[in-house]
Protein backbone atom coordinates (compact mmCIF):
# COMPACT_ATOMS: atom_id res chain seq x y z
CA MET A 1 0.00 0.00 0.00
CA TYR A 2 1.24 3.46 -0.89
CA ASP A 3 0.32 6.95 0.24
CA GLY A 4 -3.09 8.25 -0.78
CA ALA A 5 -2.63 9.72 -4.28
CA VAL A 6 -0.34 6.94 -5.52
CA GLN A 7 -2.60 4.17 -4.22
CA SER A 8 -5.67 5.91 -5.66
CA LEU A 9 -3.96 6.05 -9.07
CA ILE A 10 -3.01 2.35 -8.87
CA ASP A 11 -6.57 1.46 -7.87
CA GLU A 12 -8.07 3.44 -10.76
CA LEU A 13 -5.63 1.99 -13.29
CA GLY A 14 -6.40 -1.49 -11.98
CA ARG A 15 -10.04 -1.01 -12.95
CA LEU A 16 -9.10 -0.75 -16.62
CA PRO A 17 -9.64 -3.91 -18.73
CA GLY A 18 -6.55 -6.07 -19.07
CA ILE A 19 -4.64 -4.20 -16.35
CA GLY A 20 -3.79 -6.33 -13.32
CA PRO A 21 -2.39 -5.08 -9.98
CA LYS A 22 1.26 -5.34 -11.07
CA SER A 23 0.65 -3.60 -14.39
CA ALA A 24 -1.32 -0.87 -12.61
CA GLN A 25 1.60 -0.33 -10.23
CA ARG A 26 4.12 -0.17 -13.10
CA ILE A 27 2.00 2.35 -15.03
CA ALA A 28 1.47 4.46 -11.90
CA PHE A 29 5.22 4.71 -11.28
CA HIS A 30 5.83 5.45 -14.94
CA ILE A 31 3.40 8.36 -14.62
CA LEU A 32 5.25 9.56 -11.51
CA GLU A 33 8.62 9.47 -13.29
CA ALA A 34 7.44 10.95 -16.62
CA SER A 35 7.67 14.64 -17.46
CA GLU A 36 4.82 16.87 -16.40
CA GLU A 37 4.26 17.93 -20.02
CA ASP A 38 3.76 14.32 -21.16
CA MET A 39 1.31 13.59 -18.38
CA VAL A 40 -0.65 16.81 -19.00
CA ALA A 41 -0.92 15.72 -22.65
CA LEU A 42 -2.18 12.30 -21.51
CA ALA A 43 -4.73 13.86 -19.14
CA THR A 44 -5.90 16.21 -21.90
CA ALA A 45 -6.31 13.33 -24.34
CA ILE A 46 -8.43 11.43 -21.80
CA THR A 47 -10.56 14.50 -21.08
CA ASP A 48 -10.98 15.25 -24.80
CA VAL A 49 -12.08 11.73 -25.68
CA LYS A 50 -14.82 11.92 -23.04
CA SER A 51 -16.02 15.39 -24.02
CA LYS A 52 -15.67 15.31 -27.83
CA ILE A 53 -16.43 11.74 -28.91
CA ARG A 54 -20.01 10.68 -29.59
CA LEU A 55 -21.72 7.90 -31.53
CA CYS A 56 -22.43 8.27 -35.23
CA GLU A 57 -26.14 8.88 -35.72
CA ILE A 58 -26.26 6.30 -38.53
CA CYS A 59 -23.96 3.39 -37.69
CA PHE A 60 -23.13 4.08 -33.98
CA ASN A 61 -19.39 3.99 -34.55
CA VAL A 62 -17.37 6.45 -32.44
CA SER A 63 -16.94 9.85 -34.07
CA GLU A 64 -16.25 13.52 -33.34
CA HIS A 65 -19.10 14.45 -35.69
CA ASP A 66 -22.78 13.58 -36.01
CA ARG A 67 -21.78 11.18 -38.79
CA CYS A 68 -18.54 9.18 -38.81
CA ALA A 69 -16.00 9.37 -41.65
CA ILE A 70 -17.23 6.08 -43.13
CA CYS A 71 -20.87 7.16 -43.24
CA ARG A 72 -19.80 10.49 -44.79
CA ASP A 73 -17.78 8.75 -47.52
CA ASP A 74 -19.81 8.71 -50.75
CA ASN A 75 -17.40 6.20 -52.29
CA ARG A 76 -18.49 3.42 -49.92
CA ASP A 77 -20.81 0.71 -51.26
CA THR A 78 -24.19 1.42 -49.62
CA GLY A 79 -25.45 -2.01 -50.72
CA LEU A 80 -23.11 -3.81 -48.30
CA LEU A 81 -23.69 -3.58 -44.55
CA CYS A 82 -21.35 -5.25 -42.08
CA VAL A 83 -22.80 -5.78 -38.60
CA VAL A 84 -20.22 -5.80 -35.79
CA GLU A 85 -20.34 -5.88 -32.01
CA GLU A 86 -18.11 -2.91 -31.11
CA SER A 87 -16.36 0.06 -32.70
CA GLN A 88 -12.99 -1.69 -32.32
CA ASP A 89 -14.26 -4.31 -34.78
CA VAL A 90 -14.75 -1.61 -37.43
CA LEU A 91 -11.09 -0.64 -37.12
CA ALA A 92 -9.98 -4.27 -37.34
CA ILE A 93 -11.94 -4.81 -40.57
CA GLU A 94 -10.83 -1.48 -42.05
CA ARG A 95 -7.19 -2.48 -41.55
CA THR A 96 -7.69 -5.40 -43.95
CA ARG A 97 -8.59 -2.97 -46.79
CA THR A 98 -10.90 -5.65 -48.23
CA PHE A 99 -14.31 -4.22 -47.31
CA ASN A 100 -15.75 -1.07 -48.89
CA GLY A 101 -19.28 -1.13 -47.54
CA ARG A 102 -20.81 0.44 -44.45
CA TYR A 103 -21.15 -0.74 -40.86
CA HIS A 104 -23.66 -1.11 -38.07
CA VAL A 105 -22.30 -1.30 -34.52
CA LEU A 106 -24.58 -3.27 -32.20
CA GLY A 107 -22.94 -2.12 -28.98
CA GLY A 108 -22.28 -5.62 -27.66
CA ALA A 109 -23.50 -9.18 -28.02
CA ILE A 110 -26.32 -11.22 -26.52
CA ASN A 111 -25.21 -12.48 -23.11
CA PRO A 112 -28.06 -13.71 -20.87
CA ILE A 113 -25.70 -14.29 -17.92
CA GLY A 114 -24.53 -10.69 -18.18
CA GLY A 115 -28.10 -9.46 -18.49
CA ILE A 116 -27.70 -8.40 -22.14
CA GLY A 117 -30.54 -9.35 -24.43
CA PRO A 118 -31.43 -8.20 -27.96
CA GLU A 119 -33.30 -5.22 -26.54
CA GLN A 120 -30.04 -3.86 -25.08
CA LEU A 121 -28.40 -3.95 -28.54
CA ARG A 122 -29.06 -1.71 -31.54
CA VAL A 123 -31.12 -4.32 -33.39
CA ARG A 124 -34.18 -2.10 -33.76
CA GLU A 125 -31.99 0.59 -35.35
CA LEU A 126 -30.56 -2.04 -37.73
CA LEU A 127 -34.04 -3.08 -38.85
CA THR A 128 -34.91 0.58 -39.43
CA ARG A 129 -31.83 1.03 -41.63
CA LEU A 130 -32.87 -1.92 -43.79
CA GLN A 131 -36.33 -0.59 -44.60
CA ASP A 132 -35.34 1.59 -47.57
CA ASP A 133 -34.10 -1.36 -49.71
CA THR A 134 -30.66 0.24 -50.25
CA VAL A 135 -28.81 -2.62 -48.56
CA LYS A 136 -28.51 -5.77 -50.69
CA GLU A 137 -26.31 -7.88 -48.40
CA VAL A 138 -25.87 -7.96 -44.63
CA ILE A 139 -22.59 -9.46 -43.43
CA ILE A 140 -22.81 -10.63 -39.82
CA ALA A 141 -19.34 -10.17 -38.33
CA THR A 142 -19.91 -10.93 -34.66
CA ASN A 143 -17.15 -12.62 -32.69
CA PRO A 144 -16.74 -16.43 -33.02
CA ASN A 145 -17.59 -17.12 -29.37
CA LEU A 146 -20.77 -18.17 -27.55
CA GLU A 147 -22.13 -14.63 -27.28
CA GLY A 148 -21.25 -13.77 -30.88
CA GLU A 149 -22.80 -16.99 -32.17
CA ALA A 150 -25.99 -16.37 -30.19
CA THR A 151 -26.16 -12.85 -31.62
CA ALA A 152 -25.55 -14.08 -35.18
CA THR A 153 -28.27 -16.73 -34.81
CA TYR A 154 -30.72 -14.16 -33.49
CA LEU A 155 -29.94 -11.68 -36.27
CA THR A 156 -30.29 -14.39 -38.91
CA ARG A 157 -33.78 -15.23 -37.58
CA MET A 158 -34.76 -11.55 -37.50
CA LEU A 159 -33.38 -10.66 -40.93
CA ALA A 160 -34.32 -13.78 -42.93
CA PRO A 161 -37.89 -12.51 -43.65
CA VAL A 162 -36.50 -9.22 -45.01
CA GLY A 163 -35.42 -11.10 -48.13
CA MET A 164 -31.87 -9.84 -48.64
CA THR A 165 -28.61 -11.79 -48.82
CA LEU A 166 -27.27 -12.74 -45.39
CA SER A 167 -23.70 -13.90 -44.89
CA ARG A 168 -21.43 -14.67 -41.95
CA LEU A 169 -17.68 -14.17 -41.75
CA ALA A 170 -15.82 -17.42 -42.30
CA SER A 171 -13.87 -18.76 -39.35
CA GLY A 172 -11.29 -21.48 -39.01
CA LEU A 173 -7.57 -22.02 -38.64
CA PRO A 174 -5.33 -18.96 -38.34
CA VAL A 175 -2.48 -18.57 -40.80
CA GLY A 176 0.66 -19.98 -39.20
CA GLY A 177 -1.30 -22.10 -36.72
CA ASP A 178 -0.79 -25.80 -35.97
CA LEU A 179 -3.66 -28.31 -36.15
CA GLU A 180 -2.67 -29.91 -32.84
CA TYR A 181 -3.24 -26.64 -30.97
CA ALA A 182 -6.62 -25.81 -32.54
CA ASP A 183 -9.70 -26.27 -30.39
CA GLU A 184 -12.55 -28.49 -31.59
CA VAL A 185 -14.86 -25.62 -32.56
CA THR A 186 -12.20 -23.85 -34.64
CA LEU A 187 -11.15 -27.06 -36.36
CA GLY A 188 -14.79 -27.97 -37.03
CA ARG A 189 -15.40 -24.55 -38.56
CA ALA A 190 -12.34 -24.98 -40.76
CA PHE A 191 -13.80 -28.22 -42.13
CA GLU A 192 -17.22 -26.64 -42.68
CA GLY A 193 -15.67 -23.67 -44.49
CA ARG A 194 -13.32 -25.68 -46.69
CA ARG A 195 -13.24 -24.86 -50.41
CA LYS A 196 -12.07 -26.76 -53.47
CA LEU A 197 -8.49 -26.26 -54.53
CA GLY A 198 -8.19 -23.79 -57.35
CA GLU A 199 -11.06 -21.61 -56.09
CA THR A 200 -10.32 -17.94 -55.68
CA PRO A 201 -9.96 -17.11 -51.96
């Protein structure tokens, strides 16, 4: 235990996701040893992100404007809509440079144990977006875990009557992975998603 301000900082840092007690202590002492200018810049960045960032009024991605850069981009394919759980997923997909459509951020995944049902997600807003017949294909890109699968199954049931193309991101073995270390679900998905040799990836 340290004196008040230091221990308070360690406690607050320890509440961040992925930061354990030892990491919180290391970060706290780094902050103590860093220059005042650097730490003022850090504090300003934290304050700014809380005061300036909002959710895009169309897709619910994080943005400094009413509409995010992707929704403002007229060069994006409005016929393709990729549904993701969180804003971080948008960034991950954008880094691949393989998708030129638009997004819809649900704000989480169905998790009954955590008290999150479909009504806590932005499913109603998704259905509203699909009413104008602009979107031709919905790509469900939820995480390949229990919550993501439950969400994908629910969305498939909800969207099937709409009559548009529904697809799900393929999942399977990672590049560079070994079969012996793959879990049963991942390996099973790899078999289900196999394609004939000579097909274009």
